[in-house]
Amino acid sequence: MKTISAVSVLALGMQSVWGTPVFASPVLPTPTLEGVSGSTYQIECHDGFDSETEEGSINPILRGVEKLYFAGCDDTTGDDKPTSPKETREVTRSIETVNDRCDDVPLRLRIDCIAQRYEILAQSPDLTGEYSEVQEALQSAASRLRALAEEAGEPGGAKERLTVERNGKATPVGRPLTPTSPAKQAEAFAAAIQIIEETETMLLRSAGTSKRRQVSYQRIAQAMGSNKVLLRS
């Protein structure tokens, strides 16, 4: 929870009684509130607050003021779809399902299987606003992993299609996958792990200075990092 100083609480209480609107100034790093008499009151933005929400509540004894929006404590623009705990959980769960989808796939198809899953996840309509960098990261990782699978495959080798059993019949799903050559598999797996790690770093750097986004992007990067277990079997 964002905290405000005792002086600020008193000032806000007086302003709420007088009916004066209270707004957080966009000035960084210590945004201010303008008092009715022209005085300036500091809002303290500490590292320990819940960075996944922009709402900050103050002492409920101050009648007429229940919640404030600390716009100056974040760098989110009004045009962005902000990250949120709920949306972030959905994104991380989707990335974690890559392990379930590709775990039973033969080792020779693992790299391209991960690439295919990232391609599908990147098409999610939910990856907009502040999640757009996640979409870009998934697209980039998918493209690089697919190219790696092609490079590590047997020259002229046949692609393989995954199947699922439906009504007692094996039904092909997804695009054909490129198997890696046994002779190149160890080297290709190491390169694939490096691609995922570089994508994790890309995500963390994309979070910017927003502590809320940093928390969300850290969790998403961790979820992607869990996919590396598929390449260490």
C-alpha atoms as a PDB file:
ATOM      1  CA  MET A   1       0.000   0.000   0.000  1.00  0.00           C
ATOM      2  CA  LYS A   2       1.366   3.464  -0.850  1.00  0.00           C
ATOM      3  CA  THR A   3       1.888   5.610   2.231  1.00  0.00           C
ATOM      4  CA  ILE A   4       1.515   9.305   2.830  1.00  0.00           C
ATOM      5  CA  SER A   5       3.008  11.407   5.565  1.00  0.00           C
ATOM      6  CA  ALA A   6       1.096  12.579   8.609  1.00  0.00           C
ATOM      7  CA  VAL A   7       1.164  16.140   7.284  1.00  0.00           C
ATOM      8  CA  SER A   8      -0.353  14.916   4.024  1.00  0.00           C
ATOM      9  CA  VAL A   9      -3.123  13.056   5.838  1.00  0.00           C
ATOM     10  CA  LEU A  10      -4.042  16.195   7.733  1.00  0.00           C
ATOM     11  CA  ALA A  11      -3.958  18.251   4.570  1.00  0.00           C
ATOM     12  CA  LEU A  12      -6.101  15.750   2.665  1.00  0.00           C
ATOM     13  CA  GLY A  13      -8.611  15.638   5.508  1.00  0.00           C
ATOM     14  CA  MET A  14      -8.951  19.413   5.451  1.00  0.00           C
ATOM     15  CA  GLN A  15      -9.321  19.425   1.689  1.00  0.00           C
ATOM     16  CA  SER A  16     -12.013  16.707   1.797  1.00  0.00           C
ATOM     17  CA  VAL A  17     -13.986  18.748   4.323  1.00  0.00           C
ATOM     18  CA  TRP A  18     -13.693  21.880   2.193  1.00  0.00           C
ATOM     19  CA  GLY A  19     -14.835  19.931  -0.877  1.00  0.00           C
ATOM     20  CA  THR A  20     -11.654  20.620  -2.821  1.00  0.00           C
ATOM     21  CA  PRO A  21     -10.728  17.944  -5.416  1.00  0.00           C
ATOM     22  CA  VAL A  22      -7.453  16.181  -4.650  1.00  0.00           C
ATOM     23  CA  PHE A  23      -5.179  15.059  -7.453  1.00  0.00           C
ATOM     24  CA  ALA A  24      -1.725  13.513  -7.525  1.00  0.00           C
ATOM     25  CA  SER A  25       0.771  15.548  -9.492  1.00  0.00           C
ATOM     26  CA  PRO A  26       2.724  13.776 -12.287  1.00  0.00           C
ATOM     27  CA  VAL A  27       6.027  15.137 -10.989  1.00  0.00           C
ATOM     28  CA  LEU A  28       8.604  12.432 -10.274  1.00  0.00           C
ATOM     29  CA  PRO A  29      10.108  11.028  -8.130  1.00  0.00           C
ATOM     30  CA  THR A  30       8.106  12.623  -5.294  1.00  0.00           C
ATOM     31  CA  PRO A  31       4.666  13.671  -6.621  1.00  0.00           C
ATOM     32  CA  THR A  32       2.837  16.388  -4.749  1.00  0.00           C
ATOM     33  CA  LEU A  33      -0.644  17.526  -3.826  1.00  0.00           C
ATOM     34  CA  GLU A  34      -1.571  21.164  -4.186  1.00  0.00           C
ATOM     35  CA  GLY A  35      -3.282  22.555  -1.070  1.00  0.00           C
ATOM     36  CA  VAL A  36      -6.095  25.080  -1.201  1.00  0.00           C
ATOM     37  CA  SER A  37      -3.817  27.800   0.123  1.00  0.00           C
ATOM     38  CA  GLY A  38      -1.070  27.060  -2.377  1.00  0.00           C
ATOM     39  CA  SER A  39       0.913  24.866   0.011  1.00  0.00           C
ATOM     40  CA  THR A  40       2.601  21.734  -1.315  1.00  0.00           C
ATOM     41  CA  TYR A  41       2.301  18.377   0.481  1.00  0.00           C
ATOM     42  CA  GLN A  42       4.529  15.419  -0.257  1.00  0.00           C
ATOM     43  CA  ILE A  43       3.266  11.903  -1.059  1.00  0.00           C
ATOM     44  CA  GLU A  44       5.900   9.327  -0.189  1.00  0.00           C
ATOM     45  CA  CYS A  45       6.232   6.462  -2.684  1.00  0.00           C
ATOM     46  CA  HIS A  46       7.982   3.596  -0.920  1.00  0.00           C
ATOM     47  CA  ASP A  47       9.318   0.348  -2.384  1.00  0.00           C
ATOM     48  CA  GLY A  48       7.256  -1.688   0.048  1.00  0.00           C
ATOM     49  CA  PHE A  49       3.778  -0.911  -1.279  1.00  0.00           C
ATOM     50  CA  ASP A  50       1.608  -3.280  -3.271  1.00  0.00           C
ATOM     51  CA  SER A  51       2.907  -2.417  -6.715  1.00  0.00           C
ATOM     52  CA  GLU A  52       0.204  -4.364  -8.551  1.00  0.00           C
ATOM     53  CA  THR A  53      -2.450  -1.720  -8.088  1.00  0.00           C
ATOM     54  CA  GLU A  54      -2.587   2.000  -8.646  1.00  0.00           C
ATOM     55  CA  GLU A  55      -5.198   2.524  -5.968  1.00  0.00           C
ATOM     56  CA  GLY A  56      -3.998   3.909  -2.667  1.00  0.00           C
ATOM     57  CA  SER A  57      -6.319   4.269   0.304  1.00  0.00           C
ATOM     58  CA  ILE A  58      -5.886   6.651   3.200  1.00  0.00           C
ATOM     59  CA  ASN A  59      -7.209   6.701   6.760  1.00  0.00           C
ATOM     60  CA  PRO A  60     -10.980   6.048   6.622  1.00  0.00           C
ATOM     61  CA  ILE A  61     -11.634   8.627   9.368  1.00  0.00           C
ATOM     62  CA  LEU A  62     -11.132  11.304   6.729  1.00  0.00           C
ATOM     63  CA  ARG A  63     -14.690  11.658   5.576  1.00  0.00           C
ATOM     64  CA  GLY A  64     -15.263  12.158   1.884  1.00  0.00           C
ATOM     65  CA  VAL A  65     -11.883  10.743   0.879  1.00  0.00           C
ATOM     66  CA  GLU A  66     -11.777   6.949   0.586  1.00  0.00           C
ATOM     67  CA  LYS A  67      -9.325   6.368  -2.269  1.00  0.00           C
ATOM     68  CA  LEU A  68      -6.712   8.278  -4.218  1.00  0.00           C
ATOM     69  CA  TYR A  69      -4.959   7.508  -7.486  1.00  0.00           C
ATOM     70  CA  PHE A  70      -1.233   8.099  -7.224  1.00  0.00           C
ATOM     71  CA  ALA A  71      -0.576   8.839 -10.894  1.00  0.00           C
ATOM     72  CA  GLY A  72       2.797  10.363 -10.149  1.00  0.00           C
ATOM     73  CA  CYS A  73       4.107   7.161  -8.564  1.00  0.00           C
ATOM     74  CA  ASP A  74       3.942   5.226 -11.818  1.00  0.00           C
ATOM     75  CA  ASP A  75       4.744   5.821 -15.483  1.00  0.00           C
ATOM     76  CA  THR A  76       1.641   4.216 -16.990  1.00  0.00           C
ATOM     77  CA  THR A  77      -0.082   6.229 -19.693  1.00  0.00           C
ATOM     78  CA  GLY A  78      -3.828   6.525 -19.863  1.00  0.00           C
ATOM     79  CA  ASP A  79      -3.907   4.819 -23.275  1.00  0.00           C
ATOM     80  CA  ASP A  80      -2.354   1.566 -22.026  1.00  0.00           C
ATOM     81  CA  LYS A  81      -4.166  -1.522 -20.796  1.00  0.00           C
ATOM     82  CA  PRO A  82      -2.381  -1.837 -17.440  1.00  0.00           C
ATOM     83  CA  THR A  83      -0.967  -5.035 -16.055  1.00  0.00           C
ATOM     84  CA  SER A  84      -2.964  -6.572 -13.231  1.00  0.00           C
ATOM     85  CA  PRO A  85      -2.552  -9.598 -10.935  1.00  0.00           C
ATOM     86  CA  LYS A  86      -5.463 -11.412 -12.605  1.00  0.00           C
ATOM     87  CA  GLU A  87      -4.267 -10.835 -16.171  1.00  0.00           C
ATOM     88  CA  THR A  88      -0.700 -11.725 -15.229  1.00  0.00           C
ATOM     89  CA  ARG A  89      -1.814 -15.017 -13.683  1.00  0.00           C
ATOM     90  CA  GLU A  90      -3.615 -15.902 -16.910  1.00  0.00           C
ATOM     91  CA  VAL A  91      -0.518 -15.135 -18.984  1.00  0.00           C
ATOM     92  CA  THR A  92       1.826 -17.108 -16.723  1.00  0.00           C
ATOM     93  CA  ARG A  93      -0.520 -20.104 -16.640  1.00  0.00           C
ATOM     94  CA  SER A  94      -0.687 -20.120 -20.423  1.00  0.00           C
ATOM     95  CA  ILE A  95       3.104 -20.109 -20.688  1.00  0.00           C
ATOM     96  CA  GLU A  96       3.399 -22.847 -18.065  1.00  0.00           C
ATOM     97  CA  THR A  97       1.063 -25.093 -20.110  1.00  0.00           C
ATOM     98  CA  VAL A  98       3.843 -25.342 -22.699  1.00  0.00           C
ATOM     99  CA  ASN A  99       5.447 -27.871 -20.353  1.00  0.00           C
ATOM    100  CA  ASP A 100       2.316 -30.020 -20.354  1.00  0.00           C
ATOM    101  CA  ARG A 101       1.857 -29.821 -24.126  1.00  0.00           C
ATOM    102  CA  CYS A 102       5.457 -30.636 -25.036  1.00  0.00           C
ATOM    103  CA  ASP A 103       6.515 -32.954 -22.205  1.00  0.00           C
ATOM    104  CA  ASP A 104       5.287 -36.124 -23.908  1.00  0.00           C
ATOM    105  CA  VAL A 105       6.682 -35.088 -27.295  1.00  0.00           C
ATOM    106  CA  PRO A 106       9.789 -36.987 -28.473  1.00  0.00           C
ATOM    107  CA  LEU A 107      13.015 -35.155 -27.709  1.00  0.00           C
ATOM    108  CA  ARG A 108      13.706 -34.629 -31.397  1.00  0.00           C
ATOM    109  CA  LEU A 109      10.560 -32.456 -31.629  1.00  0.00           C
ATOM    110  CA  ARG A 110      10.910 -30.500 -28.375  1.00  0.00           C
ATOM    111  CA  ILE A 111      12.445 -27.323 -29.781  1.00  0.00           C
ATOM    112  CA  ASP A 112       9.906 -26.855 -32.546  1.00  0.00           C
ATOM    113  CA  CYS A 113       7.087 -27.874 -30.191  1.00  0.00           C
ATOM    114  CA  ILE A 114       7.996 -24.998 -27.857  1.00  0.00           C
ATOM    115  CA  ALA A 115       8.240 -22.693 -30.865  1.00  0.00           C
ATOM    116  CA  GLN A 116       4.774 -23.735 -32.016  1.00  0.00           C
ATOM    117  CA  ARG A 117       3.252 -23.155 -28.574  1.00  0.00           C
ATOM    118  CA  TYR A 118       4.836 -19.689 -28.370  1.00  0.00           C
ATOM    119  CA  GLU A 119       3.409 -18.899 -31.815  1.00  0.00           C
ATOM    120  CA  ILE A 120      -0.068 -19.816 -30.583  1.00  0.00           C
ATOM    121  CA  LEU A 121       0.283 -17.912 -27.294  1.00  0.00           C
ATOM    122  CA  ALA A 122       1.494 -14.794 -29.115  1.00  0.00           C
ATOM    123  CA  GLN A 123      -1.820 -14.670 -30.986  1.00  0.00           C
ATOM    124  CA  SER A 124      -3.779 -14.116 -27.775  1.00  0.00           C
ATOM    125  CA  PRO A 125      -5.984 -10.993 -28.004  1.00  0.00           C
ATOM    126  CA  ASP A 126      -5.226 -10.340 -24.317  1.00  0.00           C
ATOM    127  CA  LEU A 127      -1.606  -9.391 -25.032  1.00  0.00           C
ATOM    128  CA  THR A 128      -2.299  -5.717 -25.642  1.00  0.00           C
ATOM    129  CA  GLY A 129      -1.477  -2.498 -23.821  1.00  0.00           C
ATOM    130  CA  GLU A 130       1.219  -3.126 -21.237  1.00  0.00           C
ATOM    131  CA  TYR A 131       1.356  -6.782 -22.269  1.00  0.00           C
ATOM    132  CA  SER A 132       2.347  -5.951 -25.847  1.00  0.00           C
ATOM    133  CA  GLU A 133       6.029  -6.489 -25.024  1.00  0.00           C
ATOM    134  CA  VAL A 134       5.136 -10.004 -23.862  1.00  0.00           C
ATOM    135  CA  GLN A 135       3.567 -10.662 -27.254  1.00  0.00           C
ATOM    136  CA  GLU A 136       6.686  -9.382 -29.005  1.00  0.00           C
ATOM    137  CA  ALA A 137       8.926 -11.525 -26.796  1.00  0.00           C
ATOM    138  CA  LEU A 138       6.900 -14.664 -27.533  1.00  0.00           C
ATOM    139  CA  GLN A 139       6.932 -13.944 -31.262  1.00  0.00           C
ATOM    140  CA  SER A 140      10.678 -13.372 -31.242  1.00  0.00           C
ATOM    141  CA  ALA A 141      11.387 -16.529 -29.227  1.00  0.00           C
ATOM    142  CA  ALA A 142       9.081 -18.595 -31.459  1.00  0.00           C
ATOM    143  CA  SER A 143      10.790 -17.369 -34.611  1.00  0.00           C
ATOM    144  CA  ARG A 144      14.291 -18.020 -33.258  1.00  0.00           C
ATOM    145  CA  LEU A 145      13.440 -21.478 -31.916  1.00  0.00           C
ATOM    146  CA  ARG A 146      11.780 -22.486 -35.180  1.00  0.00           C
ATOM    147  CA  ALA A 147      14.819 -21.344 -37.138  1.00  0.00           C
ATOM    148  CA  LEU A 148      17.064 -23.259 -34.731  1.00  0.00           C
ATOM    149  CA  ALA A 149      15.043 -26.438 -35.256  1.00  0.00           C
ATOM    150  CA  GLU A 150      15.354 -26.033 -39.014  1.00  0.00           C
ATOM    151  CA  GLU A 151      19.096 -25.480 -38.750  1.00  0.00           C
ATOM    152  CA  ALA A 152      19.569 -28.500 -36.487  1.00  0.00           C
ATOM    153  CA  GLY A 153      17.368 -30.777 -38.560  1.00  0.00           C
ATOM    154  CA  GLU A 154      18.429 -33.429 -40.999  1.00  0.00           C
ATOM    155  CA  PRO A 155      18.926 -32.009 -44.513  1.00  0.00           C
ATOM    156  CA  GLY A 156      15.834 -32.939 -46.480  1.00  0.00           C
ATOM    157  CA  GLY A 157      14.380 -34.682 -43.438  1.00  0.00           C
ATOM    158  CA  ALA A 158      10.644 -35.210 -43.139  1.00  0.00           C
ATOM    159  CA  LYS A 159       8.593 -33.101 -40.742  1.00  0.00           C
ATOM    160  CA  GLU A 160       6.345 -34.753 -38.180  1.00  0.00           C
ATOM    161  CA  ARG A 161       2.817 -33.883 -37.119  1.00  0.00           C
ATOM    162  CA  LEU A 162       1.569 -34.338 -33.578  1.00  0.00           C
ATOM    163  CA  THR A 163      -1.699 -36.156 -33.132  1.00  0.00           C
ATOM    164  CA  VAL A 164      -4.403 -36.426 -30.475  1.00  0.00           C
ATOM    165  CA  GLU A 165      -6.886 -39.222 -30.064  1.00  0.00           C
ATOM    166  CA  ARG A 166     -10.459 -38.170 -30.733  1.00  0.00           C
ATOM    167  CA  ASN A 167     -13.295 -40.659 -30.834  1.00  0.00           C
ATOM    168  CA  GLY A 168     -10.792 -43.478 -31.007  1.00  0.00           C
ATOM    169  CA  LYS A 169      -9.004 -41.942 -33.982  1.00  0.00           C
ATOM    170  CA  ALA A 170      -5.605 -40.189 -34.151  1.00  0.00           C
ATOM    171  CA  THR A 171      -6.165 -36.649 -35.411  1.00  0.00           C
ATOM    172  CA  PRO A 172      -3.244 -34.415 -36.543  1.00  0.00           C
ATOM    173  CA  VAL A 173      -2.947 -31.110 -34.684  1.00  0.00           C
ATOM    174  CA  GLY A 174      -0.914 -27.994 -35.321  1.00  0.00           C
ATOM    175  CA  ARG A 175       1.637 -27.454 -38.029  1.00  0.00           C
ATOM    176  CA  PRO A 176       4.243 -30.082 -38.933  1.00  0.00           C
ATOM    177  CA  LEU A 177       7.274 -29.941 -36.630  1.00  0.00           C
ATOM    178  CA  THR A 178      10.916 -30.154 -37.591  1.00  0.00           C
ATOM    179  CA  PRO A 179      12.858 -32.877 -35.736  1.00  0.00           C
ATOM    180  CA  THR A 180      16.418 -32.139 -34.691  1.00  0.00           C
ATOM    181  CA  SER A 181      19.209 -34.417 -35.823  1.00  0.00           C
ATOM    182  CA  PRO A 182      20.472 -36.759 -33.071  1.00  0.00           C
ATOM    183  CA  ALA A 183      24.000 -35.596 -33.776  1.00  0.00           C
ATOM    184  CA  LYS A 184      23.034 -31.948 -33.248  1.00  0.00           C
ATOM    185  CA  GLN A 185      20.514 -32.390 -30.451  1.00  0.00           C
ATOM    186  CA  ALA A 186      22.744 -31.555 -27.447  1.00  0.00           C
ATOM    187  CA  GLU A 187      24.110 -28.425 -29.098  1.00  0.00           C
ATOM    188  CA  ALA A 188      20.631 -27.392 -30.290  1.00  0.00           C
ATOM    189  CA  PHE A 189      19.128 -27.848 -26.819  1.00  0.00           C
ATOM    190  CA  ALA A 190      21.829 -25.640 -25.306  1.00  0.00           C
ATOM    191  CA  ALA A 191      21.136 -22.980 -27.928  1.00  0.00           C
ATOM    192  CA  ALA A 192      17.387 -23.210 -27.270  1.00  0.00           C
ATOM    193  CA  ILE A 193      17.923 -22.705 -23.540  1.00  0.00           C
ATOM    194  CA  GLN A 194      20.014 -19.633 -24.321  1.00  0.00           C
ATOM    195  CA  ILE A 195      17.209 -18.242 -26.512  1.00  0.00           C
ATOM    196  CA  ILE A 196      14.702 -18.640 -23.683  1.00  0.00           C
ATOM    197  CA  GLU A 197      17.084 -17.027 -21.195  1.00  0.00           C
ATOM    198  CA  GLU A 198      17.659 -14.091 -23.529  1.00  0.00           C
ATOM    199  CA  THR A 199      13.899 -13.742 -23.895  1.00  0.00           C
ATOM    200  CA  GLU A 200      13.555 -13.673 -20.107  1.00  0.00           C
ATOM    201  CA  THR A 201      16.093 -10.848 -19.986  1.00  0.00           C
ATOM    202  CA  MET A 202      14.231  -9.027 -22.757  1.00  0.00           C
ATOM    203  CA  LEU A 203      11.016  -9.211 -20.732  1.00  0.00           C
ATOM    204  CA  LEU A 204      12.638  -7.908 -17.555  1.00  0.00           C
ATOM    205  CA  ARG A 205      14.148  -4.970 -19.415  1.00  0.00           C
ATOM    206  CA  SER A 206      10.807  -4.201 -21.050  1.00  0.00           C
ATOM    207  CA  ALA A 207       9.117  -3.621 -17.699  1.00  0.00           C
ATOM    208  CA  GLY A 208      10.439  -0.068 -17.499  1.00  0.00           C
ATOM    209  CA  THR A 209      10.317   1.858 -14.221  1.00  0.00           C
ATOM    210  CA  SER A 210       6.775   0.886 -13.223  1.00  0.00           C
ATOM    211  CA  LYS A 211       6.993  -1.309 -10.136  1.00  0.00           C
ATOM    212  CA  ARG A 212       3.627  -2.833 -10.977  1.00  0.00           C
ATOM    213  CA  ARG A 213       4.829  -3.871 -14.435  1.00  0.00           C
ATOM    214  CA  GLN A 214       8.135  -5.072 -13.005  1.00  0.00           C
ATOM    215  CA  VAL A 215       6.299  -7.508 -10.713  1.00  0.00           C
ATOM    216  CA  SER A 216       4.132  -8.775 -13.586  1.00  0.00           C
ATOM    217  CA  TYR A 217       7.006  -9.120 -16.022  1.00  0.00           C
ATOM    218  CA  GLN A 218       9.162 -10.904 -13.452  1.00  0.00           C
ATOM    219  CA  ARG A 219       6.428 -13.507 -12.984  1.00  0.00           C
ATOM    220  CA  ILE A 220       5.971 -13.926 -16.725  1.00  0.00           C
ATOM    221  CA  ALA A 221       9.734 -14.289 -17.239  1.00  0.00           C
ATOM    222  CA  GLN A 222       9.837 -16.938 -14.497  1.00  0.00           C
ATOM    223  CA  ALA A 223       7.028 -18.841 -16.208  1.00  0.00           C
ATOM    224  CA  MET A 224       8.972 -18.820 -19.459  1.00  0.00           C
ATOM    225  CA  GLY A 225      12.075 -19.951 -17.604  1.00  0.00           C
ATOM    226  CA  SER A 226      10.162 -23.012 -16.410  1.00  0.00           C
ATOM    227  CA  ASN A 227       9.940 -24.155 -20.051  1.00  0.00           C
ATOM    228  CA  LYS A 228      13.684 -24.827 -20.033  1.00  0.00           C
ATOM    229  CA  VAL A 229      13.059 -28.063 -18.131  1.00  0.00           C
ATOM    230  CA  LEU A 230      11.809 -29.531 -21.429  1.00  0.00           C
ATOM    231  CA  LEU A 231      15.290 -29.121 -22.857  1.00  0.00           C
ATOM    232  CA  ARG A 232      17.161 -30.713 -19.957  1.00  0.00           C
ATOM    233  CA  SER A 233      15.687 -34.203 -20.149  1.00  0.00           C
END
